[in-house]
Amino acid sequence: HDADMKYDLILSSPKKFDDELHHSSHFMNFSNEENSDTFSTDREDRFS
């Protein structure tokens, strides 16, 4: 962390809650799981 760090701000209306920009990484992780050969039921449940 640097107290003198420079950054830009743009004032605008907030995105909708379900906007793609809010969950793009989550969606990509989900889609990668869906395309893989390993399904969630095939994974070891370490909490059982």
PDB file of N, CA and C in Angstrom:
ATOM      1  N   HIS A   1       0.839  -1.174   0.000  1.00  0.00           N
ATOM      2  CA  HIS A   1       0.000   0.000   0.000  1.00  0.00           C
ATOM      3  C   HIS A   1       0.881   1.231   0.000  1.00  0.00           C
ATOM      4  N   ASP A   2       0.546   2.207  -0.849  1.00  0.00           N
ATOM      5  CA  ASP A   2       1.303   3.451  -0.937  1.00  0.00           C
ATOM      6  C   ASP A   2       0.331   4.612  -0.802  1.00  0.00           C
ATOM      7  N   ALA A   3       0.536   5.470   0.186  1.00  0.00           N
ATOM      8  CA  ALA A   3      -0.365   6.598   0.425  1.00  0.00           C
ATOM      9  C   ALA A   3      -0.342   7.594  -0.725  1.00  0.00           C
ATOM     10  N   ASP A   4       0.729   7.624  -1.507  1.00  0.00           N
ATOM     11  CA  ASP A   4       0.847   8.558  -2.631  1.00  0.00           C
ATOM     12  C   ASP A   4       0.434   7.934  -3.957  1.00  0.00           C
ATOM     13  N   MET A   5      -0.182   6.781  -3.921  1.00  0.00           N
ATOM     14  CA  MET A   5      -0.586   6.084  -5.133  1.00  0.00           C
ATOM     15  C   MET A   5      -1.612   6.917  -5.907  1.00  0.00           C
ATOM     16  N   LYS A   6      -1.446   7.009  -7.216  1.00  0.00           N
ATOM     17  CA  LYS A   6      -2.354   7.762  -8.085  1.00  0.00           C
ATOM     18  C   LYS A   6      -3.381   6.812  -8.688  1.00  0.00           C
ATOM     19  N   TYR A   7      -4.614   7.274  -8.838  1.00  0.00           N
ATOM     20  CA  TYR A   7      -5.661   6.484  -9.463  1.00  0.00           C
ATOM     21  C   TYR A   7      -6.708   7.421 -10.044  1.00  0.00           C
ATOM     22  N   ASP A   8      -7.502   6.924 -10.963  1.00  0.00           N
ATOM     23  CA  ASP A   8      -8.545   7.702 -11.626  1.00  0.00           C
ATOM     24  C   ASP A   8      -9.910   7.250 -11.146  1.00  0.00           C
ATOM     25  N   LEU A   9     -10.822   8.198 -11.052  1.00  0.00           N
ATOM     26  CA  LEU A   9     -12.216   7.910 -10.729  1.00  0.00           C
ATOM     27  C   LEU A   9     -13.100   8.502 -11.808  1.00  0.00           C
ATOM     28  N   ILE A  10     -14.144   7.786 -12.152  1.00  0.00           N
ATOM     29  CA  ILE A  10     -15.116   8.276 -13.118  1.00  0.00           C
ATOM     30  C   ILE A  10     -16.483   8.225 -12.456  1.00  0.00           C
ATOM     31  N   LEU A  11     -17.152   9.362 -12.393  1.00  0.00           N
ATOM     32  CA  LEU A  11     -18.487   9.406 -11.814  1.00  0.00           C
ATOM     33  C   LEU A  11     -19.499   8.944 -12.851  1.00  0.00           C
ATOM     34  N   SER A  12     -20.305   7.981 -12.481  1.00  0.00           N
ATOM     35  CA  SER A  12     -21.347   7.485 -13.376  1.00  0.00           C
ATOM     36  C   SER A  12     -22.375   6.725 -12.560  1.00  0.00           C
ATOM     37  N   SER A  13     -23.411   6.286 -13.223  1.00  0.00           N
ATOM     38  CA  SER A  13     -24.438   5.493 -12.553  1.00  0.00           C
ATOM     39  C   SER A  13     -23.887   4.095 -12.290  1.00  0.00           C
ATOM     40  N   PRO A  14     -24.250   3.502 -11.165  1.00  0.00           N
ATOM     41  CA  PRO A  14     -23.756   2.151 -10.872  1.00  0.00           C
ATOM     42  C   PRO A  14     -24.360   1.121 -11.826  1.00  0.00           C
ATOM     43  N   LYS A  15     -23.635   0.051 -12.023  1.00  0.00           N
ATOM     44  CA  LYS A  15     -24.129  -1.058 -12.844  1.00  0.00           C
ATOM     45  C   LYS A  15     -25.244  -1.777 -12.097  1.00  0.00           C
ATOM     46  N   LYS A  16     -26.110  -2.458 -12.846  1.00  0.00           N
ATOM     47  CA  LYS A  16     -27.149  -3.267 -12.218  1.00  0.00           C
ATOM     48  C   LYS A  16     -26.507  -4.377 -11.401  1.00  0.00           C
ATOM     49  N   PHE A  17     -27.203  -4.853 -10.391  1.00  0.00           N
ATOM     50  CA  PHE A  17     -26.678  -5.898  -9.513  1.00  0.00           C
ATOM     51  C   PHE A  17     -26.261  -7.139 -10.294  1.00  0.00           C
ATOM     52  N   ASP A  18     -27.060  -7.516 -11.295  1.00  0.00           N
ATOM     53  CA  ASP A  18     -26.777  -8.736 -12.052  1.00  0.00           C
ATOM     54  C   ASP A  18     -25.980  -8.470 -13.329  1.00  0.00           C
ATOM     55  N   ASP A  19     -25.326  -7.321 -13.404  1.00  0.00           N
ATOM     56  CA  ASP A  19     -24.527  -6.985 -14.575  1.00  0.00           C
ATOM     57  C   ASP A  19     -23.387  -7.991 -14.747  1.00  0.00           C
ATOM     58  N   GLU A  20     -23.067  -8.290 -15.983  1.00  0.00           N
ATOM     59  CA  GLU A  20     -22.024  -9.271 -16.290  1.00  0.00           C
ATOM     60  C   GLU A  20     -20.671  -8.878 -15.705  1.00  0.00           C
ATOM     61  N   LEU A  21     -20.390  -7.598 -15.624  1.00  0.00           N
ATOM     62  CA  LEU A  21     -19.102  -7.151 -15.082  1.00  0.00           C
ATOM     63  C   LEU A  21     -18.922  -7.511 -13.615  1.00  0.00           C
ATOM     64  N   HIS A  22     -20.012  -7.683 -12.883  1.00  0.00           N
ATOM     65  CA  HIS A  22     -19.917  -8.017 -11.464  1.00  0.00           C
ATOM     66  C   HIS A  22     -19.581  -9.486 -11.230  1.00  0.00           C
ATOM     67  N   HIS A  23     -19.894 -10.329 -12.168  1.00  0.00           N
ATOM     68  CA  HIS A  23     -19.709 -11.760 -11.930  1.00  0.00           C
ATOM     69  C   HIS A  23     -18.998 -12.474 -13.072  1.00  0.00           C
ATOM     70  N   SER A  24     -18.229 -11.765 -13.852  1.00  0.00           N
ATOM     71  CA  SER A  24     -17.578 -12.397 -15.003  1.00  0.00           C
ATOM     72  C   SER A  24     -16.590 -13.481 -14.584  1.00  0.00           C
ATOM     73  N   SER A  25     -15.797 -13.238 -13.547  1.00  0.00           N
ATOM     74  CA  SER A  25     -14.836 -14.265 -13.127  1.00  0.00           C
ATOM     75  C   SER A  25     -15.553 -15.473 -12.534  1.00  0.00           C
ATOM     76  N   HIS A  26     -16.624 -15.239 -11.773  1.00  0.00           N
ATOM     77  CA  HIS A  26     -17.394 -16.350 -11.218  1.00  0.00           C
ATOM     78  C   HIS A  26     -18.006 -17.173 -12.347  1.00  0.00           C
ATOM     79  N   PHE A  27     -18.552 -16.501 -13.346  1.00  0.00           N
ATOM     80  CA  PHE A  27     -19.155 -17.199 -14.472  1.00  0.00           C
ATOM     81  C   PHE A  27     -18.112 -18.022 -15.219  1.00  0.00           C
ATOM     82  N   MET A  28     -16.914 -17.457 -15.410  1.00  0.00           N
ATOM     83  CA  MET A  28     -15.868 -18.188 -16.122  1.00  0.00           C
ATOM     84  C   MET A  28     -15.445 -19.423 -15.335  1.00  0.00           C
ATOM     85  N   ASN A  29     -15.361 -19.323 -14.027  1.00  0.00           N
ATOM     86  CA  ASN A  29     -15.021 -20.489 -13.210  1.00  0.00           C
ATOM     87  C   ASN A  29     -16.104 -21.548 -13.323  1.00  0.00           C
ATOM     88  N   PHE A  30     -17.358 -21.127 -13.292  1.00  0.00           N
ATOM     89  CA  PHE A  30     -18.476 -22.053 -13.408  1.00  0.00           C
ATOM     90  C   PHE A  30     -18.474 -22.730 -14.773  1.00  0.00           C
ATOM     91  N   SER A  31     -18.251 -21.962 -15.827  1.00  0.00           N
ATOM     92  CA  SER A  31     -18.270 -22.550 -17.166  1.00  0.00           C
ATOM     93  C   SER A  31     -17.086 -23.488 -17.371  1.00  0.00           C
ATOM     94  N   ASN A  32     -15.946 -23.196 -16.757  1.00  0.00           N
ATOM     95  CA  ASN A  32     -14.801 -24.107 -16.855  1.00  0.00           C
ATOM     96  C   ASN A  32     -15.097 -25.422 -16.149  1.00  0.00           C
ATOM     97  N   GLU A  33     -15.773 -25.372 -15.018  1.00  0.00           N
ATOM     98  CA  GLU A  33     -16.153 -26.602 -14.311  1.00  0.00           C
ATOM     99  C   GLU A  33     -17.119 -27.427 -15.146  1.00  0.00           C
ATOM    100  N   GLU A  34     -18.049 -26.741 -15.786  1.00  0.00           N
ATOM    101  CA  GLU A  34     -19.061 -27.429 -16.576  1.00  0.00           C
ATOM    102  C   GLU A  34     -18.435 -28.143 -17.768  1.00  0.00           C
ATOM    103  N   ASN A  35     -17.370 -27.585 -18.317  1.00  0.00           N
ATOM    104  CA  ASN A  35     -16.722 -28.174 -19.485  1.00  0.00           C
ATOM    105  C   ASN A  35     -15.667 -29.206 -19.126  1.00  0.00           C
ATOM    106  N   SER A  36     -15.337 -29.328 -17.869  1.00  0.00           N
ATOM    107  CA  SER A  36     -14.304 -30.289 -17.476  1.00  0.00           C
ATOM    108  C   SER A  36     -14.898 -31.690 -17.368  1.00  0.00           C
ATOM    109  N   ASP A  37     -14.021 -32.673 -17.301  1.00  0.00           N
ATOM    110  CA  ASP A  37     -14.457 -34.063 -17.177  1.00  0.00           C
ATOM    111  C   ASP A  37     -14.814 -34.431 -15.749  1.00  0.00           C
ATOM    112  N   THR A  38     -14.413 -33.603 -14.794  1.00  0.00           N
ATOM    113  CA  THR A  38     -14.677 -33.874 -13.385  1.00  0.00           C
ATOM    114  C   THR A  38     -15.898 -33.078 -12.948  1.00  0.00           C
ATOM    115  N   PHE A  39     -16.876 -33.744 -12.411  1.00  0.00           N
ATOM    116  CA  PHE A  39     -18.070 -33.076 -11.918  1.00  0.00           C
ATOM    117  C   PHE A  39     -17.965 -32.928 -10.414  1.00  0.00           C
ATOM    118  N   SER A  40     -18.735 -32.018  -9.856  1.00  0.00           N
ATOM    119  CA  SER A  40     -18.645 -31.755  -8.419  1.00  0.00           C
ATOM    120  C   SER A  40     -18.976 -32.995  -7.595  1.00  0.00           C
ATOM    121  N   THR A  41     -19.808 -33.889  -8.113  1.00  0.00           N
ATOM    122  CA  THR A  41     -20.137 -35.109  -7.371  1.00  0.00           C
ATOM    123  C   THR A  41     -18.980 -36.093  -7.371  1.00  0.00           C
ATOM    124  N   ASP A  42     -18.036 -35.925  -8.289  1.00  0.00           N
ATOM    125  CA  ASP A  42     -16.883 -36.812  -8.360  1.00  0.00           C
ATOM    126  C   ASP A  42     -15.737 -36.359  -7.466  1.00  0.00           C
ATOM    127  N   ARG A  43     -15.867 -35.198  -6.871  1.00  0.00           N
ATOM    128  CA  ARG A  43     -14.803 -34.670  -6.028  1.00  0.00           C
ATOM    129  C   ARG A  43     -14.959 -35.146  -4.597  1.00  0.00           C
ATOM    130  N   GLU A  44     -13.846 -35.258  -3.924  1.00  0.00           N
ATOM    131  CA  GLU A  44     -13.849 -35.700  -2.537  1.00  0.00           C
ATOM    132  C   GLU A  44     -14.467 -34.629  -1.645  1.00  0.00           C
ATOM    133  N   ASP A  45     -15.363 -35.032  -0.772  1.00  0.00           N
ATOM    134  CA  ASP A  45     -15.969 -34.119   0.193  1.00  0.00           C
ATOM    135  C   ASP A  45     -15.165 -34.195   1.479  1.00  0.00           C
ATOM    136  N   ARG A  46     -14.330 -33.214   1.715  1.00  0.00           N
ATOM    137  CA  ARG A  46     -13.435 -33.231   2.868  1.00  0.00           C
ATOM    138  C   ARG A  46     -14.140 -32.880   4.165  1.00  0.00           C
ATOM    139  N   PHE A  47     -15.381 -32.425   4.102  1.00  0.00           N
ATOM    140  CA  PHE A  47     -16.123 -32.045   5.299  1.00  0.00           C
ATOM    141  C   PHE A  47     -17.087 -33.127   5.762  1.00  0.00           C
ATOM    142  N   SER A  48     -17.158 -34.241   5.048  1.00  0.00           N
ATOM    143  CA  SER A  48     -18.096 -35.298   5.448  1.00  0.00           C
ATOM    144  C   SER A  48     -17.473 -36.262   6.427  1.00  0.00           C
TER     145      SER A  48
END
